[in-house]
Amino acid sequence: MDAALPALTEMPSPQFVMAGDGRRIATYSWGDEDAPTVLCVHGFASSCRDNWVSTGWVRDLLRAGFRVLGVDQRGHGASDKPHEASDYSMDAFVDDLVIVLDTYLLDTVRYAGYSLGARVGWQLAVNVPEHVERAVLGGIPDGRPLARLQIEQARAYAEHGTPVEDRVTQNYVTLAERVPHNDLRALIALAEGMRLGDADPDPAHPPMQQILFATGSEDAILERSKRLADATPNGTFVELPGRHHFNAPGSRVFRQAAVEFLAG
């Protein structure tokens, strides 16, 4: 590895941006500030380190000549983790990113998002298209996957250790506990909050930018992701062989396709 590039798991100290509602959002920056910037936004129950650093994305983007700006979304990583569902609307997630861009004095970026980060990226590209030049949206959910989580069972487990009986909910709990320092109560609030507003990507109002969609061949949302790509006028799709929803970010095929696409 080039000695000038960070090791796979090396993280700079977080720089905190204050969101409109007073929540602190942790950000991380790598590379030359004059280089084209890729904004990297992780998925549910993950973090900037987990999705983008440990998987080699930051390394490969730096090698390709990009600056990388990473974010821990609210409820994750080093960012604030409120326990109220009302703190986790889609508008809040999008507004957080707009404030991050404003703080870093970035008019436009190239975007890489996975799962929840891809869903937020779709809405960012639709709501404030001037800020997003092109985007990679990996494992983008169609519909509301978090709606399948049994909130009361998850909350009973978090608060009292009551065993979770629902298999889907157990999978989400296992995912949440996989990443160190996750706050299960905050993630339950996030899952609940995403049900309160218009959390679905709307195929009738897709982003107009060049968009690369990528989903694992073993991911249950594969066909729905393809339909979103088909509904996007400038969308293309790549299938990630042998990958399911939770290990797709580590796919070399994904990284290579994304770096080439983001280079434009």
C-alpha atoms as a PDB file:
ATOM      1  CA  MET A   1       0.000   0.000   0.000  1.00  0.00           C
ATOM      2  CA  ASP A   2       1.168   3.533  -0.733  1.00  0.00           C
ATOM      3  CA  ALA A   3       2.652   4.890   2.507  1.00  0.00           C
ATOM      4  CA  ALA A   4       1.024   8.262   1.791  1.00  0.00           C
ATOM      5  CA  LEU A   5      -2.450   6.751   2.055  1.00  0.00           C
ATOM      6  CA  PRO A   6      -4.189   5.833   5.322  1.00  0.00           C
ATOM      7  CA  ALA A   7      -4.258   2.244   6.494  1.00  0.00           C
ATOM      8  CA  LEU A   8      -7.540   0.466   5.929  1.00  0.00           C
ATOM      9  CA  THR A   9      -8.825   1.150   9.428  1.00  0.00           C
ATOM     10  CA  GLU A  10      -7.211   4.530  10.104  1.00  0.00           C
ATOM     11  CA  MET A  11      -9.681   7.258  11.057  1.00  0.00           C
ATOM     12  CA  PRO A  12      -9.011  10.973  11.482  1.00  0.00           C
ATOM     13  CA  SER A  13     -10.549  12.686  14.486  1.00  0.00           C
ATOM     14  CA  PRO A  14     -14.186  13.605  13.827  1.00  0.00           C
ATOM     15  CA  GLN A  15     -15.025  17.198  12.989  1.00  0.00           C
ATOM     16  CA  PHE A  16     -18.475  18.022  14.289  1.00  0.00           C
ATOM     17  CA  VAL A  17     -21.101  19.973  12.350  1.00  0.00           C
ATOM     18  CA  MET A  18     -24.154  21.346  14.162  1.00  0.00           C
ATOM     19  CA  ALA A  19     -27.414  20.308  12.534  1.00  0.00           C
ATOM     20  CA  GLY A  20     -30.391  22.633  12.340  1.00  0.00           C
ATOM     21  CA  ASP A  21     -32.007  21.018  15.396  1.00  0.00           C
ATOM     22  CA  GLY A  22     -28.811  21.228  17.433  1.00  0.00           C
ATOM     23  CA  ARG A  23     -27.646  17.635  16.933  1.00  0.00           C
ATOM     24  CA  ARG A  24     -23.928  17.073  16.382  1.00  0.00           C
ATOM     25  CA  ILE A  25     -23.007  15.286  13.143  1.00  0.00           C
ATOM     26  CA  ALA A  26     -19.540  13.722  12.962  1.00  0.00           C
ATOM     27  CA  THR A  27     -17.621  14.209   9.712  1.00  0.00           C
ATOM     28  CA  TYR A  28     -14.248  12.951   8.462  1.00  0.00           C
ATOM     29  CA  SER A  29     -12.079  14.283   5.664  1.00  0.00           C
ATOM     30  CA  TRP A  30      -9.258  12.711   3.668  1.00  0.00           C
ATOM     31  CA  GLY A  31      -7.206  13.983   0.756  1.00  0.00           C
ATOM     32  CA  ASP A  32      -6.497  17.211  -1.074  1.00  0.00           C
ATOM     33  CA  GLU A  33      -9.134  19.874  -0.455  1.00  0.00           C
ATOM     34  CA  ASP A  34      -8.788  21.040  -4.074  1.00  0.00           C
ATOM     35  CA  ALA A  35      -9.596  17.587  -5.490  1.00  0.00           C
ATOM     36  CA  PRO A  36     -13.129  16.579  -6.539  1.00  0.00           C
ATOM     37  CA  THR A  37     -15.010  15.529  -3.397  1.00  0.00           C
ATOM     38  CA  VAL A  38     -16.927  12.294  -2.874  1.00  0.00           C
ATOM     39  CA  LEU A  39     -19.425  12.438  -0.011  1.00  0.00           C
ATOM     40  CA  CYS A  40     -19.723   8.948   1.530  1.00  0.00           C
ATOM     41  CA  VAL A  41     -22.843   8.137   3.560  1.00  0.00           C
ATOM     42  CA  HIS A  42     -23.284   4.777   5.308  1.00  0.00           C
ATOM     43  CA  GLY A  43     -26.237   2.489   5.925  1.00  0.00           C
ATOM     44  CA  PHE A  44     -28.468   1.655   8.880  1.00  0.00           C
ATOM     45  CA  ALA A  45     -26.638   0.487  12.022  1.00  0.00           C
ATOM     46  CA  SER A  46     -23.287   1.086  10.325  1.00  0.00           C
ATOM     47  CA  SER A  47     -20.817   3.990  10.368  1.00  0.00           C
ATOM     48  CA  CYS A  48     -18.345   5.799   8.151  1.00  0.00           C
ATOM     49  CA  ARG A  49     -15.573   3.496   9.417  1.00  0.00           C
ATOM     50  CA  ASP A  50     -17.602   0.331   8.955  1.00  0.00           C
ATOM     51  CA  ASN A  51     -18.964   1.031   5.462  1.00  0.00           C
ATOM     52  CA  TRP A  52     -16.198   3.032   3.827  1.00  0.00           C
ATOM     53  CA  VAL A  53     -12.868   2.798   5.640  1.00  0.00           C
ATOM     54  CA  SER A  54     -12.652  -0.848   6.695  1.00  0.00           C
ATOM     55  CA  THR A  55     -13.875  -1.973   3.249  1.00  0.00           C
ATOM     56  CA  GLY A  56     -11.221  -0.070   1.264  1.00  0.00           C
ATOM     57  CA  TRP A  57     -13.436   2.579  -0.314  1.00  0.00           C
ATOM     58  CA  VAL A  58     -11.569   5.548   1.142  1.00  0.00           C
ATOM     59  CA  ARG A  59      -8.260   4.038   0.077  1.00  0.00           C
ATOM     60  CA  ASP A  60      -9.429   3.420  -3.497  1.00  0.00           C
ATOM     61  CA  LEU A  61     -11.077   6.829  -3.853  1.00  0.00           C
ATOM     62  CA  LEU A  62      -7.900   8.562  -2.667  1.00  0.00           C
ATOM     63  CA  ARG A  63      -5.834   6.543  -5.116  1.00  0.00           C
ATOM     64  CA  ALA A  64      -8.193   7.697  -7.880  1.00  0.00           C
ATOM     65  CA  GLY A  65      -7.468  11.332  -7.022  1.00  0.00           C
ATOM     66  CA  PHE A  66     -10.575  12.214  -5.021  1.00  0.00           C
ATOM     67  CA  ARG A  67     -11.008  13.976  -1.743  1.00  0.00           C
ATOM     68  CA  VAL A  68     -13.302  11.965   0.552  1.00  0.00           C
ATOM     69  CA  LEU A  69     -15.765  13.483   2.998  1.00  0.00           C
ATOM     70  CA  GLY A  70     -17.372  10.911   5.276  1.00  0.00           C
ATOM     71  CA  VAL A  71     -20.330  11.324   7.609  1.00  0.00           C
ATOM     72  CA  ASP A  72     -21.708   9.406  10.573  1.00  0.00           C
ATOM     73  CA  GLN A  73     -25.439   9.874  10.114  1.00  0.00           C
ATOM     74  CA  ARG A  74     -27.457  10.939  13.162  1.00  0.00           C
ATOM     75  CA  GLY A  75     -27.962   7.953  15.438  1.00  0.00           C
ATOM     76  CA  HIS A  76     -24.656   6.384  14.349  1.00  0.00           C
ATOM     77  CA  GLY A  77     -20.928   6.436  14.974  1.00  0.00           C
ATOM     78  CA  ALA A  78     -19.653   9.516  16.783  1.00  0.00           C
ATOM     79  CA  SER A  79     -22.747  11.600  15.928  1.00  0.00           C
ATOM     80  CA  ASP A  80     -25.481  12.371  18.433  1.00  0.00           C
ATOM     81  CA  LYS A  81     -27.893   9.500  19.059  1.00  0.00           C
ATOM     82  CA  PRO A  82     -31.279  10.866  20.159  1.00  0.00           C
ATOM     83  CA  HIS A  83     -33.907   8.399  21.355  1.00  0.00           C
ATOM     84  CA  GLU A  84     -36.971  10.152  19.938  1.00  0.00           C
ATOM     85  CA  ALA A  85     -38.517   8.903  16.689  1.00  0.00           C
ATOM     86  CA  SER A  86     -39.274  12.472  15.641  1.00  0.00           C
ATOM     87  CA  ASP A  87     -35.530  13.144  15.304  1.00  0.00           C
ATOM     88  CA  TYR A  88     -35.250  10.687  12.389  1.00  0.00           C
ATOM     89  CA  SER A  89     -37.338  11.998   9.521  1.00  0.00           C
ATOM     90  CA  MET A  90     -36.034  11.817   5.962  1.00  0.00           C
ATOM     91  CA  ASP A  91     -35.968  15.617   5.919  1.00  0.00           C
ATOM     92  CA  ALA A  92     -33.673  15.595   8.952  1.00  0.00           C
ATOM     93  CA  PHE A  93     -31.205  13.236   7.270  1.00  0.00           C
ATOM     94  CA  VAL A  94     -31.172  15.309   4.083  1.00  0.00           C
ATOM     95  CA  ASP A  95     -30.881  18.593   5.962  1.00  0.00           C
ATOM     96  CA  ASP A  96     -27.901  17.217   7.905  1.00  0.00           C
ATOM     97  CA  LEU A  97     -26.023  16.616   4.655  1.00  0.00           C
ATOM     98  CA  VAL A  98     -26.869  20.040   3.241  1.00  0.00           C
ATOM     99  CA  ILE A  99     -25.473  21.652   6.396  1.00  0.00           C
ATOM    100  CA  VAL A 100     -22.342  19.493   6.138  1.00  0.00           C
ATOM    101  CA  LEU A 101     -21.794  20.671   2.563  1.00  0.00           C
ATOM    102  CA  ASP A 102     -22.388  24.280   3.541  1.00  0.00           C
ATOM    103  CA  THR A 103     -19.964  23.986   6.436  1.00  0.00           C
ATOM    104  CA  TYR A 104     -17.259  22.578   4.185  1.00  0.00           C
ATOM    105  CA  LEU A 105     -18.022  25.261   1.567  1.00  0.00           C
ATOM    106  CA  LEU A 106     -18.833  22.642  -1.056  1.00  0.00           C
ATOM    107  CA  ASP A 107     -21.254  23.704  -3.776  1.00  0.00           C
ATOM    108  CA  THR A 108     -21.430  20.259  -5.384  1.00  0.00           C
ATOM    109  CA  VAL A 109     -20.115  16.765  -4.687  1.00  0.00           C
ATOM    110  CA  ARG A 110     -20.125  13.288  -6.092  1.00  0.00           C
ATOM    111  CA  TYR A 111     -22.046  10.993  -3.796  1.00  0.00           C
ATOM    112  CA  ALA A 112     -21.623   7.416  -2.584  1.00  0.00           C
ATOM    113  CA  GLY A 113     -24.320   5.970  -0.360  1.00  0.00           C
ATOM    114  CA  TYR A 114     -25.249   2.497   0.802  1.00  0.00           C
ATOM    115  CA  SER A 115     -28.631   1.229   2.057  1.00  0.00           C
ATOM    116  CA  LEU A 116     -30.032   4.025   4.262  1.00  0.00           C
ATOM    117  CA  GLY A 117     -27.241   6.236   2.906  1.00  0.00           C
ATOM    118  CA  ALA A 118     -28.411   5.453  -0.621  1.00  0.00           C
ATOM    119  CA  ARG A 119     -32.020   6.262   0.275  1.00  0.00           C
ATOM    120  CA  VAL A 120     -30.924   9.604   1.753  1.00  0.00           C
ATOM    121  CA  GLY A 121     -28.741  10.206  -1.315  1.00  0.00           C
ATOM    122  CA  TRP A 122     -31.717   9.682  -3.637  1.00  0.00           C
ATOM    123  CA  GLN A 123     -33.650  12.346  -1.744  1.00  0.00           C
ATOM    124  CA  LEU A 124     -30.673  14.708  -1.558  1.00  0.00           C
ATOM    125  CA  ALA A 125     -30.272  14.463  -5.343  1.00  0.00           C
ATOM    126  CA  VAL A 126     -33.995  15.133  -5.846  1.00  0.00           C
ATOM    127  CA  ASN A 127     -34.412  17.920  -3.301  1.00  0.00           C
ATOM    128  CA  VAL A 128     -31.209  19.884  -3.931  1.00  0.00           C
ATOM    129  CA  PRO A 129     -29.943  18.667  -7.320  1.00  0.00           C
ATOM    130  CA  GLU A 130     -27.441  21.520  -7.532  1.00  0.00           C
ATOM    131  CA  HIS A 131     -25.442  19.865  -4.736  1.00  0.00           C
ATOM    132  CA  VAL A 132     -25.099  16.414  -6.349  1.00  0.00           C
ATOM    133  CA  GLU A 133     -23.143  16.025  -9.579  1.00  0.00           C
ATOM    134  CA  ARG A 134     -23.592  12.254  -9.840  1.00  0.00           C
ATOM    135  CA  ALA A 135     -24.263   9.489  -7.342  1.00  0.00           C
ATOM    136  CA  VAL A 136     -23.652   5.840  -6.543  1.00  0.00           C
ATOM    137  CA  LEU A 137     -26.622   4.316  -4.699  1.00  0.00           C
ATOM    138  CA  GLY A 138     -25.868   0.840  -3.379  1.00  0.00           C
ATOM    139  CA  GLY A 139     -28.479  -1.497  -1.914  1.00  0.00           C
ATOM    140  CA  ILE A 140     -31.141   1.187  -2.119  1.00  0.00           C
ATOM    141  CA  PRO A 141     -34.326  -0.015  -0.449  1.00  0.00           C
ATOM    142  CA  ASP A 142     -37.580   0.220  -2.350  1.00  0.00           C
ATOM    143  CA  GLY A 143     -40.389   0.570   0.144  1.00  0.00           C
ATOM    144  CA  ARG A 144     -39.720   0.486   3.861  1.00  0.00           C
ATOM    145  CA  PRO A 145     -37.543  -2.441   4.961  1.00  0.00           C
ATOM    146  CA  LEU A 146     -37.363  -1.047   8.493  1.00  0.00           C
ATOM    147  CA  ALA A 147     -41.167  -1.248   8.650  1.00  0.00           C
ATOM    148  CA  ARG A 148     -40.815  -5.013   9.088  1.00  0.00           C
ATOM    149  CA  LEU A 149     -39.024  -4.512  12.387  1.00  0.00           C
ATOM    150  CA  GLN A 150     -41.270  -5.234  15.370  1.00  0.00           C
ATOM    151  CA  ILE A 151     -40.627  -2.063  17.363  1.00  0.00           C
ATOM    152  CA  GLU A 152     -42.073  -3.273  20.666  1.00  0.00           C
ATOM    153  CA  GLN A 153     -40.048  -6.503  20.610  1.00  0.00           C
ATOM    154  CA  ALA A 154     -36.859  -4.608  19.818  1.00  0.00           C
ATOM    155  CA  ARG A 155     -37.558  -2.053  22.552  1.00  0.00           C
ATOM    156  CA  ALA A 156     -38.297  -4.776  25.120  1.00  0.00           C
ATOM    157  CA  TYR A 157     -34.976  -6.394  24.270  1.00  0.00           C
ATOM    158  CA  ALA A 158     -33.076  -3.106  24.529  1.00  0.00           C
ATOM    159  CA  GLU A 159     -34.672  -2.076  27.810  1.00  0.00           C
ATOM    160  CA  HIS A 160     -35.200  -5.384  29.618  1.00  0.00           C
ATOM    161  CA  GLY A 161     -33.259  -8.058  27.713  1.00  0.00           C
ATOM    162  CA  THR A 162     -36.490  -9.786  26.663  1.00  0.00           C
ATOM    163  CA  PRO A 163     -35.633 -12.310  23.900  1.00  0.00           C
ATOM    164  CA  VAL A 164     -36.746 -11.285  20.408  1.00  0.00           C
ATOM    165  CA  GLU A 165     -39.064 -13.812  18.775  1.00  0.00           C
ATOM    166  CA  ASP A 166     -39.549 -12.234  15.336  1.00  0.00           C
ATOM    167  CA  ARG A 167     -36.776 -13.396  12.971  1.00  0.00           C
ATOM    168  CA  VAL A 168     -36.556 -10.176  10.962  1.00  0.00           C
ATOM    169  CA  THR A 169     -36.354  -8.109  14.134  1.00  0.00           C
ATOM    170  CA  GLN A 170     -33.672 -10.423  15.504  1.00  0.00           C
ATOM    171  CA  ASN A 171     -31.654  -9.905  12.327  1.00  0.00           C
ATOM    172  CA  TYR A 172     -31.824  -6.128  12.771  1.00  0.00           C
ATOM    173  CA  VAL A 173     -30.830  -6.408  16.435  1.00  0.00           C
ATOM    174  CA  THR A 174     -27.863  -8.594  15.499  1.00  0.00           C
ATOM    175  CA  LEU A 175     -26.874  -6.080  12.818  1.00  0.00           C
ATOM    176  CA  ALA A 176     -27.123  -3.208  15.296  1.00  0.00           C
ATOM    177  CA  GLU A 177     -24.995  -4.982  17.885  1.00  0.00           C
ATOM    178  CA  ARG A 178     -22.321  -5.905  15.355  1.00  0.00           C
ATOM    179  CA  VAL A 179     -20.853  -2.388  15.228  1.00  0.00           C
ATOM    180  CA  PRO A 180     -19.104  -1.188  18.420  1.00  0.00           C
ATOM    181  CA  HIS A 181     -20.671   1.777  20.240  1.00  0.00           C
ATOM    182  CA  ASN A 182     -24.030   1.446  18.484  1.00  0.00           C
ATOM    183  CA  ASP A 183     -26.936   2.620  20.614  1.00  0.00           C
ATOM    184  CA  LEU A 184     -29.769   0.156  20.093  1.00  0.00           C
ATOM    185  CA  ARG A 185     -32.393   2.514  21.517  1.00  0.00           C
ATOM    186  CA  ALA A 186     -31.379   5.218  19.039  1.00  0.00           C
ATOM    187  CA  LEU A 187     -31.560   2.771  16.132  1.00  0.00           C
ATOM    188  CA  ILE A 188     -35.006   1.601  17.238  1.00  0.00           C
ATOM    189  CA  ALA A 189     -36.097   5.239  17.318  1.00  0.00           C
ATOM    190  CA  LEU A 190     -34.688   5.660  13.807  1.00  0.00           C
ATOM    191  CA  ALA A 191     -36.652   2.656  12.538  1.00  0.00           C
ATOM    192  CA  GLU A 192     -39.790   4.083  14.111  1.00  0.00           C
ATOM    193  CA  GLY A 193     -39.120   7.597  12.819  1.00  0.00           C
ATOM    194  CA  MET A 194     -38.730   6.445   9.239  1.00  0.00           C
ATOM    195  CA  ARG A 195     -42.360   5.306   9.362  1.00  0.00           C
ATOM    196  CA  LEU A 196     -43.676   8.753  10.265  1.00  0.00           C
ATOM    197  CA  GLY A 197     -43.108  10.528   6.957  1.00  0.00           C
ATOM    198  CA  ASP A 198     -42.591   9.882   3.275  1.00  0.00           C
ATOM    199  CA  ALA A 199     -39.594   7.567   3.573  1.00  0.00           C
ATOM    200  CA  ASP A 200     -40.109   5.731   0.280  1.00  0.00           C
ATOM    201  CA  PRO A 201     -38.092   6.587  -2.832  1.00  0.00           C
ATOM    202  CA  ASP A 202     -40.638   7.811  -5.365  1.00  0.00           C
ATOM    203  CA  PRO A 203     -40.074   6.259  -8.818  1.00  0.00           C
ATOM    204  CA  ALA A 204     -42.331   8.942 -10.283  1.00  0.00           C
ATOM    205  CA  HIS A 205     -39.886  11.640  -9.172  1.00  0.00           C
ATOM    206  CA  PRO A 206     -36.402  10.181  -9.622  1.00  0.00           C
ATOM    207  CA  PRO A 207     -33.121  12.073  -9.574  1.00  0.00           C
ATOM    208  CA  MET A 208     -32.111  13.444 -12.960  1.00  0.00           C
ATOM    209  CA  GLN A 209     -28.341  13.123 -12.482  1.00  0.00           C
ATOM    210  CA  GLN A 210     -26.210  10.225 -13.670  1.00  0.00           C
ATOM    211  CA  ILE A 211     -26.880   7.523 -11.066  1.00  0.00           C
ATOM    212  CA  LEU A 212     -25.170   4.151 -10.657  1.00  0.00           C
ATOM    213  CA  PHE A 213     -27.287   1.626  -8.765  1.00  0.00           C
ATOM    214  CA  ALA A 214     -25.617  -1.474  -7.328  1.00  0.00           C
ATOM    215  CA  THR A 215     -27.167  -4.364  -5.399  1.00  0.00           C
ATOM    216  CA  GLY A 216     -25.975  -7.843  -4.460  1.00  0.00           C
ATOM    217  CA  SER A 217     -27.210 -10.843  -6.417  1.00  0.00           C
ATOM    218  CA  GLU A 218     -28.276 -12.493  -3.141  1.00  0.00           C
ATOM    219  CA  ASP A 219     -30.056  -9.395  -1.790  1.00  0.00           C
ATOM    220  CA  ALA A 220     -33.817  -9.752  -1.354  1.00  0.00           C
ATOM    221  CA  ILE A 221     -34.300  -6.215  -2.703  1.00  0.00           C
ATOM    222  CA  LEU A 222     -32.431  -6.907  -5.970  1.00  0.00           C
ATOM    223  CA  GLU A 223     -35.423  -6.722  -8.318  1.00  0.00           C
ATOM    224  CA  ARG A 224     -36.869  -3.678  -6.557  1.00  0.00           C
ATOM    225  CA  SER A 225     -33.517  -1.907  -6.836  1.00  0.00           C
ATOM    226  CA  LYS A 226     -33.464  -2.697 -10.543  1.00  0.00           C
ATOM    227  CA  ARG A 227     -36.910  -1.168 -10.933  1.00  0.00           C
ATOM    228  CA  LEU A 228     -35.731   2.035  -9.282  1.00  0.00           C
ATOM    229  CA  ALA A 229     -32.788   2.105 -11.689  1.00  0.00           C
ATOM    230  CA  ASP A 230     -35.147   1.590 -14.627  1.00  0.00           C
ATOM    231  CA  ALA A 231     -37.303   4.489 -13.416  1.00  0.00           C
ATOM    232  CA  THR A 232     -34.296   6.834 -13.294  1.00  0.00           C
ATOM    233  CA  PRO A 233     -33.718   8.563 -16.672  1.00  0.00           C
ATOM    234  CA  ASN A 234     -29.925   8.521 -16.331  1.00  0.00           C
ATOM    235  CA  GLY A 235     -29.653   5.411 -14.198  1.00  0.00           C
ATOM    236  CA  THR A 236     -27.448   2.385 -14.777  1.00  0.00           C
ATOM    237  CA  PHE A 237     -27.323  -0.818 -12.760  1.00  0.00           C
ATOM    238  CA  VAL A 238     -24.605  -3.245 -11.721  1.00  0.00           C
ATOM    239  CA  GLU A 239     -25.315  -6.542  -9.976  1.00  0.00           C
ATOM    240  CA  LEU A 240     -22.756  -7.622  -7.377  1.00  0.00           C
ATOM    241  CA  PRO A 241     -22.126 -11.381  -7.743  1.00  0.00           C
ATOM    242  CA  GLY A 242     -22.540 -13.490  -4.629  1.00  0.00           C
ATOM    243  CA  ARG A 243     -23.251 -10.570  -2.312  1.00  0.00           C
ATOM    244  CA  HIS A 244     -26.156 -10.062   0.065  1.00  0.00           C
ATOM    245  CA  HIS A 245     -27.291  -6.797   1.657  1.00  0.00           C
ATOM    246  CA  PHE A 246     -24.870  -6.804   4.558  1.00  0.00           C
ATOM    247  CA  ASN A 247     -21.617  -7.709   2.796  1.00  0.00           C
ATOM    248  CA  ALA A 248     -22.059  -5.833  -0.490  1.00  0.00           C
ATOM    249  CA  PRO A 249     -20.004  -2.776   0.618  1.00  0.00           C
ATOM    250  CA  GLY A 250     -16.926  -5.019   0.727  1.00  0.00           C
ATOM    251  CA  SER A 251     -17.349  -6.113  -2.907  1.00  0.00           C
ATOM    252  CA  ARG A 252     -14.349  -5.324  -5.122  1.00  0.00           C
ATOM    253  CA  VAL A 253     -16.718  -5.289  -8.109  1.00  0.00           C
ATOM    254  CA  PHE A 254     -18.756  -2.601  -6.349  1.00  0.00           C
ATOM    255  CA  ARG A 255     -15.731  -0.463  -5.493  1.00  0.00           C
ATOM    256  CA  GLN A 256     -14.207  -0.687  -8.944  1.00  0.00           C
ATOM    257  CA  ALA A 257     -17.468   0.112 -10.739  1.00  0.00           C
ATOM    258  CA  ALA A 258     -18.151   3.014  -8.395  1.00  0.00           C
ATOM    259  CA  VAL A 259     -14.691   4.587  -8.659  1.00  0.00           C
ATOM    260  CA  GLU A 260     -14.839   4.395 -12.464  1.00  0.00           C
ATOM    261  CA  PHE A 261     -18.344   5.877 -12.481  1.00  0.00           C
ATOM    262  CA  LEU A 262     -17.509   8.677 -10.064  1.00  0.00           C
ATOM    263  CA  ALA A 263     -14.501   9.609 -12.188  1.00  0.00           C
ATOM    264  CA  GLY A 264     -17.034  10.357 -14.895  1.00  0.00           C
END
